[in-house]
Amino acid sequence: MKSYRKELWFNVPARRAFINITPQVQACLAESGIREGLILVNAMHITASVFINDDESGLHHDYEIWLEKLAPHEPVSGYRHNVGEDNADAHMKRQVMGREVVVAVTDGKLDFGTWEQIFYGEFDGRRKKRVLVKIIGE
C-alpha cells in the first residue's frame, strides 16, 4: 500500500467564500500514482470546511443565506467566544458544513456521483489556511 500527503494553501481575501478544489485534489491524485484506494480531504482550521456538493452558483448563494440565518456574524457581542475576536459564527458554520470528505479512488479517478465536486468553505478568511489531502491505496 502507498501513502501520499500534500497540503493545499488558501488565502481568501473575503470573510466567506466557497472554492471548488476538485482540480487541485485531482492533481494530487495524479501525482500520487495511486489507482485504487481512498482520499481524505480535510480543512485544518476550525473556521473552514471541506464538503461535497454541486458546483452551482444559486446553491452557493443559498448556503450563504442559510448559514447566516443559522449563525449570523453580527451582532458579534451575542457570542461568548467573541472576546477579542469576531469569528464565533465561523466556528458554528464550519460545524454545520463539516470538516472533511472521503472519496473512493477507482481506476485512478475520484469515484464521484454525477454532479459531485469538492469544495473548500471559508468562514473567517483574510489569512492563510491549509487543507490536507491524504491518499492511501495501491
N, C-alpha and C. Protein backbone atom coordinates (compact mmCIF):
# COMPACT_ATOMS: atom_id res chain seq x y z
N MET A 1 0.84 -1.19 0.00
CA MET A 1 0.00 0.00 0.00
C MET A 1 0.89 1.25 0.00
N LYS A 2 0.47 2.25 -0.78
CA LYS A 2 1.18 3.53 -0.84
C LYS A 2 0.40 4.58 -0.04
N SER A 3 1.14 5.61 0.33
CA SER A 3 0.54 6.73 1.05
C SER A 3 1.07 8.03 0.44
N TYR A 4 0.20 9.03 0.37
CA TYR A 4 0.56 10.32 -0.21
C TYR A 4 -0.05 11.41 0.67
N ARG A 5 0.71 12.48 0.88
CA ARG A 5 0.22 13.60 1.69
C ARG A 5 0.64 14.91 1.06
N LYS A 6 -0.31 15.86 0.99
CA LYS A 6 0.02 17.19 0.49
C LYS A 6 -0.90 18.20 1.17
N GLU A 7 -0.38 19.40 1.39
CA GLU A 7 -1.19 20.49 1.92
C GLU A 7 -1.47 21.49 0.81
N LEU A 8 -2.75 21.86 0.69
CA LEU A 8 -3.16 22.92 -0.22
C LEU A 8 -3.37 24.17 0.62
N TRP A 9 -2.86 25.30 0.16
CA TRP A 9 -2.95 26.55 0.92
C TRP A 9 -3.89 27.53 0.24
N PHE A 10 -4.67 28.22 1.07
CA PHE A 10 -5.63 29.21 0.57
C PHE A 10 -5.52 30.49 1.40
N ASN A 11 -5.66 31.62 0.75
CA ASN A 11 -5.72 32.91 1.43
C ASN A 11 -6.87 33.69 0.79
N VAL A 12 -8.05 33.51 1.33
CA VAL A 12 -9.25 34.12 0.78
C VAL A 12 -9.34 35.56 1.27
N PRO A 13 -9.43 36.54 0.37
CA PRO A 13 -9.46 37.95 0.79
C PRO A 13 -10.76 38.38 1.47
N ALA A 14 -11.82 37.62 1.29
CA ALA A 14 -13.12 37.95 1.91
C ALA A 14 -13.31 37.12 3.19
N ARG A 15 -14.30 37.49 3.96
CA ARG A 15 -14.62 36.72 5.17
C ARG A 15 -15.10 35.32 4.79
N ARG A 16 -15.96 35.22 3.76
CA ARG A 16 -16.53 33.93 3.39
C ARG A 16 -16.41 33.69 1.89
N ALA A 17 -16.24 32.40 1.55
CA ALA A 17 -16.19 32.00 0.15
C ALA A 17 -16.33 30.49 0.05
N PHE A 18 -16.80 30.04 -1.11
CA PHE A 18 -16.83 28.63 -1.46
C PHE A 18 -15.98 28.45 -2.70
N ILE A 19 -14.95 27.60 -2.61
CA ILE A 19 -14.00 27.42 -3.69
C ILE A 19 -14.01 25.95 -4.12
N ASN A 20 -14.22 25.72 -5.41
CA ASN A 20 -14.17 24.37 -5.94
C ASN A 20 -12.70 23.94 -6.00
N ILE A 21 -12.33 22.95 -5.19
CA ILE A 21 -10.94 22.50 -5.14
C ILE A 21 -10.77 21.14 -5.81
N THR A 22 -11.79 20.70 -6.55
CA THR A 22 -11.71 19.41 -7.23
C THR A 22 -10.49 19.31 -8.15
N PRO A 23 -10.18 20.33 -8.96
CA PRO A 23 -9.00 20.21 -9.83
C PRO A 23 -7.69 20.01 -9.03
N GLN A 24 -7.54 20.70 -7.90
CA GLN A 24 -6.33 20.53 -7.09
C GLN A 24 -6.26 19.13 -6.49
N VAL A 25 -7.40 18.61 -6.06
CA VAL A 25 -7.43 17.26 -5.49
C VAL A 25 -7.14 16.22 -6.57
N GLN A 26 -7.70 16.42 -7.77
CA GLN A 26 -7.41 15.51 -8.89
C GLN A 26 -5.93 15.54 -9.24
N ALA A 27 -5.31 16.72 -9.17
CA ALA A 27 -3.87 16.83 -9.44
C ALA A 27 -3.06 16.05 -8.40
N CYS A 28 -3.48 16.13 -7.15
CA CYS A 28 -2.82 15.35 -6.09
C CYS A 28 -2.93 13.86 -6.37
N LEU A 29 -4.12 13.42 -6.77
CA LEU A 29 -4.33 12.01 -7.07
C LEU A 29 -3.42 11.56 -8.22
N ALA A 30 -3.33 12.35 -9.27
CA ALA A 30 -2.45 12.01 -10.40
C ALA A 30 -1.00 11.94 -9.94
N GLU A 31 -0.60 12.91 -9.14
CA GLU A 31 0.78 12.96 -8.63
C GLU A 31 1.11 11.76 -7.74
N SER A 32 0.11 11.27 -7.01
CA SER A 32 0.33 10.15 -6.08
C SER A 32 0.59 8.84 -6.79
N GLY A 33 0.03 8.67 -7.99
CA GLY A 33 0.17 7.41 -8.71
C GLY A 33 -0.74 6.31 -8.18
N ILE A 34 -1.57 6.63 -7.22
CA ILE A 34 -2.48 5.64 -6.63
C ILE A 34 -3.68 5.44 -7.56
N ARG A 35 -4.00 4.19 -7.84
CA ARG A 35 -5.09 3.86 -8.77
C ARG A 35 -6.35 3.35 -8.05
N GLU A 36 -6.18 2.74 -6.89
CA GLU A 36 -7.30 2.19 -6.12
C GLU A 36 -7.06 2.52 -4.66
N GLY A 37 -8.06 3.13 -4.01
CA GLY A 37 -7.88 3.45 -2.60
C GLY A 37 -8.89 4.47 -2.12
N LEU A 38 -8.45 5.28 -1.18
CA LEU A 38 -9.30 6.32 -0.58
C LEU A 38 -8.52 7.62 -0.49
N ILE A 39 -9.26 8.71 -0.63
CA ILE A 39 -8.66 10.03 -0.48
C ILE A 39 -9.43 10.80 0.58
N LEU A 40 -8.70 11.35 1.52
CA LEU A 40 -9.26 12.19 2.57
C LEU A 40 -8.86 13.63 2.26
N VAL A 41 -9.82 14.53 2.34
CA VAL A 41 -9.55 15.95 2.15
C VAL A 41 -10.16 16.66 3.34
N ASN A 42 -9.34 17.32 4.16
CA ASN A 42 -9.91 17.99 5.34
C ASN A 42 -9.29 19.35 5.61
N ALA A 43 -10.16 20.24 6.07
CA ALA A 43 -9.74 21.58 6.47
C ALA A 43 -8.99 21.47 7.78
N MET A 44 -7.85 22.11 7.86
CA MET A 44 -7.02 22.03 9.06
C MET A 44 -7.16 23.30 9.91
N HIS A 45 -8.29 23.96 9.77
CA HIS A 45 -8.60 25.15 10.56
C HIS A 45 -10.04 25.06 11.02
N ILE A 46 -10.32 25.52 12.22
CA ILE A 46 -11.64 25.34 12.81
C ILE A 46 -12.66 26.36 12.36
N THR A 47 -12.29 27.21 11.42
CA THR A 47 -13.24 28.16 10.84
C THR A 47 -13.34 27.97 9.33
N ALA A 48 -13.00 26.79 8.86
CA ALA A 48 -13.09 26.45 7.44
C ALA A 48 -13.64 25.04 7.31
N SER A 49 -14.11 24.70 6.12
CA SER A 49 -14.79 23.43 5.90
C SER A 49 -14.38 22.83 4.57
N VAL A 50 -14.56 21.52 4.45
CA VAL A 50 -14.48 20.83 3.17
C VAL A 50 -15.74 20.01 3.04
N PHE A 51 -16.40 20.12 1.89
CA PHE A 51 -17.66 19.40 1.69
C PHE A 51 -17.82 19.04 0.23
N ILE A 52 -18.76 18.15 -0.06
CA ILE A 52 -19.07 17.75 -1.43
C ILE A 52 -20.48 18.19 -1.76
N ASN A 53 -20.62 18.81 -2.92
CA ASN A 53 -21.94 19.15 -3.43
C ASN A 53 -21.82 19.57 -4.89
N ASP A 54 -22.87 20.13 -5.42
CA ASP A 54 -22.95 20.58 -6.80
C ASP A 54 -22.26 21.94 -6.95
N ASP A 55 -21.60 22.17 -8.07
CA ASP A 55 -20.96 23.46 -8.34
C ASP A 55 -21.96 24.35 -9.07
N GLU A 56 -22.88 24.92 -8.31
CA GLU A 56 -23.96 25.73 -8.87
C GLU A 56 -24.08 27.01 -8.06
N SER A 57 -23.95 28.15 -8.72
CA SER A 57 -23.89 29.43 -8.01
C SER A 57 -25.14 29.72 -7.19
N GLY A 58 -26.30 29.32 -7.64
CA GLY A 58 -27.52 29.53 -6.86
C GLY A 58 -27.48 28.76 -5.55
N LEU A 59 -26.94 27.55 -5.59
CA LEU A 59 -26.81 26.75 -4.37
C LEU A 59 -25.84 27.42 -3.41
N HIS A 60 -24.73 27.93 -3.90
CA HIS A 60 -23.75 28.61 -3.05
C HIS A 60 -24.37 29.85 -2.41
N HIS A 61 -25.16 30.59 -3.17
CA HIS A 61 -25.87 31.74 -2.62
C HIS A 61 -26.83 31.29 -1.52
N ASP A 62 -27.55 30.21 -1.76
CA ASP A 62 -28.48 29.69 -0.76
C ASP A 62 -27.75 29.26 0.51
N TYR A 63 -26.56 28.65 0.37
CA TYR A 63 -25.75 28.31 1.54
C TYR A 63 -25.43 29.57 2.35
N GLU A 64 -25.00 30.62 1.66
CA GLU A 64 -24.66 31.88 2.34
C GLU A 64 -25.83 32.38 3.18
N ILE A 65 -27.01 32.43 2.59
CA ILE A 65 -28.20 32.93 3.28
C ILE A 65 -28.57 32.01 4.44
N TRP A 66 -28.59 30.73 4.18
CA TRP A 66 -28.97 29.74 5.20
C TRP A 66 -28.00 29.76 6.39
N LEU A 67 -26.70 29.75 6.10
CA LEU A 67 -25.70 29.76 7.17
C LEU A 67 -25.77 31.04 7.99
N GLU A 68 -26.01 32.16 7.33
CA GLU A 68 -26.10 33.44 8.04
C GLU A 68 -27.33 33.47 8.95
N LYS A 69 -28.40 32.81 8.54
CA LYS A 69 -29.58 32.70 9.41
C LYS A 69 -29.30 31.81 10.62
N LEU A 70 -28.57 30.72 10.39
CA LEU A 70 -28.25 29.79 11.48
C LEU A 70 -27.28 30.40 12.49
N ALA A 71 -26.26 31.08 11.98
CA ALA A 71 -25.21 31.65 12.84
C ALA A 71 -24.82 33.00 12.27
N PRO A 72 -25.61 34.03 12.55
CA PRO A 72 -25.30 35.35 11.99
C PRO A 72 -23.97 35.89 12.52
N HIS A 73 -23.26 36.57 11.65
CA HIS A 73 -21.98 37.17 12.07
C HIS A 73 -22.20 38.25 13.12
N GLU A 74 -23.20 39.08 12.90
CA GLU A 74 -23.47 40.18 13.84
C GLU A 74 -24.83 40.01 14.48
N PRO A 75 -24.99 40.46 15.71
CA PRO A 75 -24.01 41.22 16.48
C PRO A 75 -22.96 40.30 17.11
N VAL A 76 -21.71 40.66 16.95
CA VAL A 76 -20.63 39.83 17.49
C VAL A 76 -20.68 39.75 19.01
N SER A 77 -21.29 40.72 19.64
CA SER A 77 -21.41 40.70 21.11
C SER A 77 -22.37 39.61 21.59
N GLY A 78 -23.10 39.00 20.68
CA GLY A 78 -24.04 37.94 21.05
C GLY A 78 -23.39 36.59 21.30
N TYR A 79 -22.08 36.49 21.09
CA TYR A 79 -21.38 35.22 21.27
C TYR A 79 -20.36 35.34 22.40
N ARG A 80 -20.33 34.35 23.28
CA ARG A 80 -19.33 34.34 24.36
C ARG A 80 -17.91 34.16 23.83
N HIS A 81 -17.78 33.45 22.72
CA HIS A 81 -16.45 33.21 22.15
C HIS A 81 -15.80 34.50 21.66
N ASN A 82 -16.58 35.48 21.32
CA ASN A 82 -16.05 36.71 20.72
C ASN A 82 -15.48 37.67 21.78
N VAL A 83 -14.49 37.20 22.49
CA VAL A 83 -13.76 38.06 23.42
C VAL A 83 -12.42 38.35 22.75
N GLY A 84 -12.31 39.52 22.17
CA GLY A 84 -11.11 39.87 21.41
C GLY A 84 -11.12 39.31 20.00
N GLU A 85 -12.19 38.61 19.62
CA GLU A 85 -12.33 38.06 18.28
C GLU A 85 -13.73 38.36 17.77
N ASP A 86 -13.94 38.07 16.50
CA ASP A 86 -15.28 38.27 15.93
C ASP A 86 -15.66 37.11 15.02
N ASN A 87 -15.20 35.89 15.36
CA ASN A 87 -15.41 34.77 14.45
C ASN A 87 -16.18 33.59 15.04
N ALA A 88 -16.92 33.80 16.11
CA ALA A 88 -17.68 32.69 16.70
C ALA A 88 -18.62 32.08 15.68
N ASP A 89 -19.23 32.93 14.86
CA ASP A 89 -20.14 32.41 13.83
C ASP A 89 -19.42 31.48 12.86
N ALA A 90 -18.15 31.76 12.57
CA ALA A 90 -17.38 30.93 11.64
C ALA A 90 -17.17 29.52 12.20
N HIS A 91 -16.98 29.41 13.50
CA HIS A 91 -16.84 28.10 14.14
C HIS A 91 -18.12 27.29 13.97
N MET A 92 -19.25 27.95 14.15
CA MET A 92 -20.54 27.27 14.04
C MET A 92 -20.85 26.89 12.59
N LYS A 93 -20.53 27.76 11.66
CA LYS A 93 -20.76 27.46 10.25
C LYS A 93 -19.92 26.26 9.82
N ARG A 94 -18.70 26.18 10.29
CA ARG A 94 -17.84 25.04 9.98
C ARG A 94 -18.45 23.76 10.55
N GLN A 95 -19.00 23.84 11.75
CA GLN A 95 -19.59 22.66 12.37
C GLN A 95 -20.72 22.09 11.52
N VAL A 96 -21.51 22.98 10.94
CA VAL A 96 -22.64 22.58 10.11
C VAL A 96 -22.16 22.01 8.77
N MET A 97 -21.19 22.65 8.15
CA MET A 97 -20.74 22.25 6.81
C MET A 97 -19.76 21.08 6.83
N GLY A 98 -19.14 20.82 7.96
CA GLY A 98 -18.28 19.65 8.08
C GLY A 98 -16.80 19.94 7.93
N ARG A 99 -16.02 19.02 8.44
CA ARG A 99 -14.57 19.14 8.47
C ARG A 99 -13.89 18.53 7.26
N GLU A 100 -14.40 17.36 6.80
CA GLU A 100 -13.68 16.62 5.77
C GLU A 100 -14.62 15.80 4.90
N VAL A 101 -14.02 15.31 3.82
CA VAL A 101 -14.70 14.35 2.95
C VAL A 101 -13.74 13.19 2.68
N VAL A 102 -14.31 12.03 2.42
CA VAL A 102 -13.56 10.86 1.98
C VAL A 102 -14.19 10.41 0.67
N VAL A 103 -13.34 10.21 -0.34
CA VAL A 103 -13.82 9.81 -1.66
C VAL A 103 -13.08 8.54 -2.08
N ALA A 104 -13.80 7.60 -2.65
CA ALA A 104 -13.18 6.40 -3.20
C ALA A 104 -12.38 6.76 -4.44
N VAL A 105 -11.28 6.07 -4.62
CA VAL A 105 -10.46 6.20 -5.82
C VAL A 105 -10.59 4.88 -6.58
N THR A 106 -11.05 4.97 -7.81
CA THR A 106 -11.25 3.80 -8.66
C THR A 106 -10.61 4.06 -10.01
N ASP A 107 -9.73 3.16 -10.39
CA ASP A 107 -9.05 3.28 -11.69
C ASP A 107 -8.36 4.64 -11.85
N GLY A 108 -7.79 5.14 -10.76
CA GLY A 108 -7.03 6.39 -10.80
C GLY A 108 -7.88 7.66 -10.85
N LYS A 109 -9.20 7.52 -10.60
CA LYS A 109 -10.10 8.68 -10.65
C LYS A 109 -10.93 8.79 -9.38
N LEU A 110 -11.34 10.02 -9.07
CA LEU A 110 -12.27 10.23 -7.97
C LEU A 110 -13.59 9.58 -8.35
N ASP A 111 -14.10 8.71 -7.51
CA ASP A 111 -15.30 7.94 -7.82
C ASP A 111 -16.53 8.71 -7.32
N PHE A 112 -16.91 9.73 -8.08
CA PHE A 112 -17.98 10.66 -7.74
C PHE A 112 -19.32 10.24 -8.33
N GLY A 113 -20.39 10.80 -7.72
CA GLY A 113 -21.69 10.79 -8.35
C GLY A 113 -21.70 11.85 -9.44
N THR A 114 -22.76 11.91 -10.19
CA THR A 114 -22.83 12.74 -11.40
C THR A 114 -22.41 14.19 -11.20
N TRP A 115 -22.92 14.86 -10.18
CA TRP A 115 -22.68 16.31 -10.03
C TRP A 115 -21.72 16.64 -8.89
N GLU A 116 -21.16 15.65 -8.27
CA GLU A 116 -20.35 15.89 -7.07
C GLU A 116 -19.02 16.58 -7.39
N GLN A 117 -18.69 17.55 -6.54
CA GLN A 117 -17.42 18.28 -6.60
C GLN A 117 -16.98 18.52 -5.15
N ILE A 118 -15.70 18.75 -4.94
CA ILE A 118 -15.17 19.01 -3.60
C ILE A 118 -14.97 20.52 -3.44
N PHE A 119 -15.44 21.06 -2.31
CA PHE A 119 -15.34 22.49 -2.04
C PHE A 119 -14.63 22.78 -0.74
N TYR A 120 -13.89 23.88 -0.76
CA TYR A 120 -13.33 24.48 0.44
C TYR A 120 -14.28 25.61 0.82
N GLY A 121 -14.79 25.57 2.04
CA GLY A 121 -15.66 26.63 2.54
C GLY A 121 -14.90 27.47 3.55
N GLU A 122 -14.77 28.74 3.28
CA GLU A 122 -14.07 29.67 4.17
C GLU A 122 -15.10 30.52 4.90
N PHE A 123 -15.00 30.58 6.23
CA PHE A 123 -15.96 31.34 7.03
C PHE A 123 -15.32 32.44 7.86
N ASP A 124 -14.00 32.54 7.82
CA ASP A 124 -13.27 33.59 8.53
C ASP A 124 -11.95 33.83 7.79
N GLY A 125 -12.05 34.35 6.58
CA GLY A 125 -10.89 34.49 5.70
C GLY A 125 -9.96 35.61 6.07
N ARG A 126 -9.20 36.04 5.08
CA ARG A 126 -8.23 37.12 5.18
C ARG A 126 -6.94 36.69 5.86
N ARG A 127 -6.69 35.38 5.81
CA ARG A 127 -5.41 34.86 6.30
C ARG A 127 -5.16 33.49 5.69
N LYS A 128 -3.93 33.06 5.72
CA LYS A 128 -3.51 31.83 5.09
C LYS A 128 -4.01 30.62 5.90
N LYS A 129 -4.65 29.68 5.19
CA LYS A 129 -5.13 28.44 5.82
C LYS A 129 -4.83 27.27 4.90
N ARG A 130 -4.87 26.06 5.47
CA ARG A 130 -4.49 24.89 4.69
C ARG A 130 -5.54 23.79 4.73
N VAL A 131 -5.47 22.96 3.70
CA VAL A 131 -6.32 21.79 3.56
C VAL A 131 -5.39 20.60 3.35
N LEU A 132 -5.62 19.54 4.08
CA LEU A 132 -4.81 18.32 3.95
C LEU A 132 -5.44 17.38 2.93
N VAL A 133 -4.61 16.87 2.04
CA VAL A 133 -5.03 15.80 1.12
C VAL A 133 -4.19 14.58 1.47
N LYS A 134 -4.84 13.51 1.88
CA LYS A 134 -4.15 12.26 2.24
C LYS A 134 -4.77 11.13 1.42
N ILE A 135 -3.92 10.43 0.69
CA ILE A 135 -4.39 9.35 -0.18
C ILE A 135 -3.68 8.06 0.22
N ILE A 136 -4.47 7.01 0.39
CA ILE A 136 -3.88 5.69 0.65
C ILE A 136 -4.45 4.70 -0.34
N GLY A 137 -3.62 3.76 -0.75
CA GLY A 137 -4.08 2.74 -1.69
C GLY A 137 -2.93 2.16 -2.47
N GLU A 138 -3.28 1.60 -3.60
CA GLU A 138 -2.28 0.94 -4.46
C GLU A 138 -2.31 1.49 -5.87
